[in-house]
Protein backbone atom coordinates (compact mmCIF):
# COMPACT_ATOMS: atom_id res chain seq x y z
CA MET A 1 132.12 113.73 105.97
CA VAL A 2 131.48 114.44 108.73
CA SER A 3 135.17 115.84 111.37
CA ALA A 4 136.61 114.26 114.37
CA PHE A 5 135.97 116.99 116.32
CA ASN A 6 132.11 117.01 115.68
CA LYS A 7 132.76 113.24 116.42
CA LYS A 8 134.51 113.94 119.03
CA PHE A 9 132.58 116.72 120.96
CA PRO A 10 129.14 115.66 119.52
CA GLU A 11 127.19 118.57 121.60
CA TYR A 12 128.27 121.09 121.29
CA VAL A 13 128.37 120.64 117.54
CA PHE A 14 124.42 119.13 117.33
CA TYR A 15 122.55 121.16 120.85
CA PRO A 16 123.49 125.22 118.99
CA LYS A 17 122.38 123.70 115.55
CA ALA A 18 119.45 121.70 117.52
CA LEU A 19 118.29 125.24 119.61
CA PHE A 20 118.21 127.37 117.04
CA THR A 21 116.02 125.47 114.78
CA ILE A 22 113.97 125.43 117.72
CA PHE A 23 114.05 129.16 118.22
CA THR A 24 113.57 130.01 114.64
CA ALA A 25 110.40 127.94 113.87
CA SER A 26 108.54 128.21 117.95
CA ARG A 27 109.12 132.35 116.90
CA MET A 28 107.18 131.96 113.67
CA ALA A 29 104.70 128.93 115.18
CA LYS A 30 104.30 132.20 117.76
CA ALA A 31 103.41 134.61 114.99
CA GLY A 32 100.71 132.12 113.94
CA LYS A 33 103.26 131.80 111.03
CA LEU A 34 104.38 127.97 110.97
CA THR A 35 102.43 125.61 108.54
CA TYR A 36 103.15 122.11 108.17
CA LYS A 37 105.35 122.45 105.55
CA GLY A 38 107.78 124.82 108.11
CA TRP A 39 107.26 121.65 110.87
CA GLU A 40 108.64 119.65 108.23
CA GLN A 41 110.84 121.60 107.21
CA ALA A 42 112.73 122.38 111.14
CA SER A 43 111.95 118.90 111.97
CA ARG A 44 113.84 118.04 108.67
CA SER A 45 117.24 120.70 109.75
CA ILE A 46 117.29 118.75 113.77
CA LEU A 47 117.63 115.39 111.79
CA ARG A 48 120.77 117.05 109.71
CA ALA A 49 122.19 118.07 112.86
CA LEU A 50 122.33 114.62 114.08
CA GLU A 51 123.99 113.44 110.57
CA SER A 52 126.53 116.12 111.40
CA VAL A 53 127.62 115.28 114.18
CA GLY A 54 127.84 111.20 112.32
CA VAL A 55 124.62 109.34 114.10
CA LYS A 56 123.45 106.99 111.22
CA ILE A 57 119.42 106.84 110.30
CA GLU A 58 117.94 104.44 108.66
CA ILE A 59 114.33 104.39 107.18
CA GLU A 60 112.89 100.77 106.91
CA ASN A 61 108.41 101.09 104.73
CA LEU A 62 108.12 104.47 104.21
CA SER A 63 106.24 102.76 101.73
CA ALA A 64 103.53 102.10 104.00
CA ILE A 65 103.10 105.86 104.63
CA GLN A 66 103.29 106.74 100.57
CA ASN A 67 100.25 103.94 99.56
CA LEU A 68 98.43 105.60 102.59
CA LYS A 69 95.03 106.59 101.20
CA HIS A 70 93.04 107.66 104.62
CA PRO A 71 94.36 109.06 108.19
CA CYS A 72 95.74 107.31 110.82
CA VAL A 73 96.67 106.26 113.86
CA PHE A 74 101.17 105.68 114.30
CA VAL A 75 101.75 103.83 117.12
CA CYS A 76 105.68 103.83 118.25
CA ASN A 77 107.65 102.95 121.72
CA HIS A 78 109.05 105.17 123.19
CA MET A 79 113.09 105.73 123.29
CA SER A 80 113.77 109.64 123.72
CA THR A 81 113.46 113.25 123.30
CA LEU A 82 114.84 112.32 119.18
CA GLU A 83 111.53 110.95 117.94
CA THR A 84 109.97 113.72 119.12
CA PHE A 85 111.75 116.21 116.68
CA VAL A 86 112.35 113.30 113.88
CA LEU A 87 108.89 111.95 113.29
CA PRO A 88 107.41 114.78 111.40
CA CYS A 89 110.03 115.21 108.70
CA ILE A 90 109.54 111.23 107.88
CA ILE A 91 105.65 111.17 108.13
CA GLN A 92 103.99 115.31 107.79
CA PRO A 93 105.60 115.07 103.38
CA PHE A 94 102.77 112.18 103.10
CA ARG A 95 100.51 112.42 105.79
CA ASN A 96 99.41 116.04 107.59
CA ALA A 97 99.73 115.09 112.07
CA THR A 98 99.66 115.81 115.47
CA PHE A 99 100.87 113.59 118.50
CA VAL A 100 99.26 113.15 122.01
CA VAL A 101 101.84 114.90 124.50
CA LYS A 102 101.52 115.00 128.36
CA LYS A 103 100.74 118.17 129.35
CA SER A 104 103.89 119.62 130.62
CA LEU A 105 105.65 119.33 126.66
CA VAL A 106 102.24 122.20 125.92
CA GLU A 107 104.33 124.16 129.52
CA TYR A 108 108.07 123.95 127.77
CA PRO A 109 109.28 128.00 127.34
CA VAL A 110 109.98 128.53 124.13
CA PHE A 111 109.16 124.84 122.70
CA LYS A 112 105.22 124.86 124.33
CA HIS A 113 104.47 127.31 120.53
CA LEU A 114 105.97 124.99 118.26
CA MET A 115 103.86 121.98 120.18
CA ILE A 116 100.36 124.20 120.35
CA SER A 117 101.46 125.06 116.87
CA ARG A 118 100.47 121.62 115.62
CA ASP A 119 96.57 121.08 117.29
CA PRO A 120 98.46 118.54 120.07
CA ILE A 121 96.31 115.85 121.91
CA VAL A 122 97.04 116.71 125.53
CA VAL A 123 96.92 114.38 128.85
CA GLY A 124 97.10 115.37 132.22
CA ARG A 125 98.15 112.36 133.26
CA VAL A 126 96.62 112.40 136.83
CA ASN A 127 92.89 110.86 135.61
CA PRO A 128 93.07 108.56 133.23
CA ARG A 129 89.50 108.80 132.37
CA ASP A 130 89.37 112.22 131.74
CA ASP A 131 92.93 111.65 129.23
CA PHE A 132 90.53 108.22 127.40
CA LYS A 133 88.44 110.90 126.61
CA LYS A 134 90.23 113.30 125.56
CA VAL A 135 92.40 111.05 123.24
CA MET A 136 89.48 109.31 121.71
CA THR A 137 86.87 112.77 120.59
CA GLY A 138 90.36 115.02 120.37
CA GLY A 139 91.40 111.58 117.62
CA LYS A 140 88.93 111.67 116.01
CA LYS A 141 87.51 114.79 115.40
CA ARG A 142 91.19 115.19 114.53
CA LEU A 143 91.60 112.02 112.18
CA GLU A 144 88.50 113.26 110.73
CA ASN A 145 90.11 116.56 109.52
CA ASN A 146 93.09 113.94 108.07
CA ILE A 147 94.98 114.91 110.35
CA SER A 148 96.90 111.39 111.13
CA ILE A 149 98.15 110.44 115.62
CA ILE A 150 101.21 109.47 116.31
CA ILE A 151 101.29 108.08 120.43
CA PHE A 152 103.45 106.16 122.66
CA PRO A 153 101.20 103.90 124.26
CA GLN A 154 104.43 103.08 126.87
CA THR A 155 104.36 106.35 128.18
CA THR A 156 107.77 106.69 129.44
CA ARG A 157 111.02 106.56 127.70
CA SER A 158 112.27 103.72 127.86
CA ASN A 159 114.58 101.31 125.52
CA TYR A 160 112.90 98.25 125.54
CA ILE A 161 109.40 97.78 125.48
CA ASP A 162 107.64 96.75 128.67
CA GLU A 163 104.08 94.66 127.47
CA LYS A 164 101.92 95.61 130.73
CA LYS A 165 102.15 98.94 129.83
CA PHE A 166 102.05 98.99 126.05
CA ASN A 167 98.41 99.48 126.30
CA THR A 168 95.58 99.70 124.15
CA ILE A 169 94.92 103.64 123.51
CA GLY A 170 96.05 103.13 120.25
CA ILE A 171 94.06 100.32 119.00
CA LYS A 172 91.08 102.04 120.59
CA LEU A 173 91.45 104.75 118.66
CA ALA A 174 91.52 103.90 115.44
CA LYS A 175 88.95 100.87 116.30
CA TYR A 176 86.33 104.33 117.53
CA ALA A 177 87.11 106.09 114.49
CA GLN A 178 87.11 103.14 111.70
CA VAL A 179 91.08 104.55 110.99
CA PRO A 180 94.64 102.37 110.49
CA VAL A 181 97.26 101.11 112.38
CA ILE A 182 100.67 101.92 111.43
CA PRO A 183 103.10 100.63 113.95
CA VAL A 184 106.28 102.38 113.94
CA ALA A 185 109.25 100.59 115.84
CA LEU A 186 112.25 102.48 116.42
CA GLN A 187 116.01 102.75 118.10
CA THR A 188 116.88 106.30 118.86
CA ASP A 189 118.93 105.59 121.80
CA ALA A 190 121.48 108.15 120.12
CA TRP A 191 119.75 110.80 122.20
CA ASN A 192 120.39 110.07 125.38
CA VAL A 193 118.85 110.87 128.55
CA GLY A 194 120.27 113.98 130.39
CA ARG A 195 121.03 114.32 134.06
CA ILE A 196 120.20 117.99 134.50
CA ILE A 197 118.67 118.28 131.42
CA LYS A 198 116.12 115.07 131.01
CA ASP A 199 115.84 116.26 127.22
CA ALA A 200 119.01 117.29 126.71
CA GLY A 201 121.86 114.52 127.22
CA LYS A 202 124.38 113.33 125.99
CA ILE A 203 124.68 112.35 121.23
CA ASP A 204 126.49 109.22 120.81
CA PRO A 205 126.95 108.80 117.01
CA THR A 206 127.73 105.06 117.75
CA ARG A 207 124.11 104.25 118.14
CA PRO A 208 122.41 103.96 115.55
CA VAL A 209 119.57 105.61 115.21
CA LYS A 210 116.41 102.44 113.35
CA PHE A 211 112.79 103.99 112.33
CA SER A 212 110.39 100.86 111.01
CA PHE A 213 107.28 101.33 110.53
CA GLY A 214 104.77 97.75 109.58
CA ASN A 215 101.28 97.40 107.24
CA PRO A 216 98.87 98.98 107.96
CA VAL A 217 96.47 96.92 110.81
CA TYR A 218 93.17 97.50 110.34
CA VAL A 219 91.21 96.52 114.13
CA SER A 220 87.40 94.79 113.97
CA GLY A 221 86.47 92.27 117.31
CA SER A 222 87.56 93.59 120.59
CA GLY A 223 91.27 95.12 119.19
CA LYS A 224 93.12 91.96 121.26
CA GLU A 225 94.79 90.35 118.89
CA GLU A 226 95.71 93.28 116.62
CA HIS A 227 97.29 94.93 119.88
CA GLN A 228 99.13 91.71 120.20
CA MET A 229 100.09 91.95 116.10
CA ILE A 230 101.61 95.24 117.29
CA TYR A 231 102.99 94.50 120.27
CA ASN A 232 105.10 91.23 118.60
CA PHE A 233 106.24 93.47 115.22
CA ILE A 234 107.55 95.90 117.99
CA ASN A 235 109.33 93.75 120.09
CA ASN A 236 110.37 91.47 116.89
CA LYS A 237 112.08 94.54 115.20
CA LEU A 238 113.94 95.85 118.96
CA ARG A 239 115.62 92.81 119.32
CA SER A 240 116.57 92.23 116.01
CA TRP A 241 118.55 95.27 116.38
CA ASN A 242 119.94 94.64 119.17
CA PRO A 243 120.16 90.65 119.29
CA CYS A 244 122.61 90.81 122.50
């Protein structure tokens, strides 16, 4: 049962819990003691902190991951900070995974230790050709080591998906490494973008958080058809969740 205070003042309840989790996990990561299990537990603590202020979280078709026998590329839309913190506790029980992240995420005070410990693929977003090479070579290496890759092709956070900006990097990596793609549609705008600190916006318990996993897609040929399938899956889910 969520108290009236927690619902009315969610930021005052959520952020202290979230910061405690981040500081604790980052300290372990800096000491080289944060395991995949520890990462999963920290992520679950963030999820529980959201639930403690009344945010409801729904997950569809988790069997797509449970039944997967190989590493994969998770291709997701990007809506808020929330998915970066919560996806690990959903995926990690079944598959070791890491992210493709922008350089600033491995430079944040404190949080950088946590992110670096997961051996992410870091892109600078200055030289597209260099970033592409990093994702291809680094991604294939991790996938060969049974570590799945979580990637947000539409790099900027948005409440909708823009087909023109939803690039094909996930499809290209999956084809290069010969692994399947699992599309992930997500609605995470319960955690808003902040005015002063971008990652510390208002928490809206009236907005449900939703994750929907598609079935594995195997890439053949140019990958154009598969890319369209993934875009359609995510776009159709977002439209069904927000029919107006």
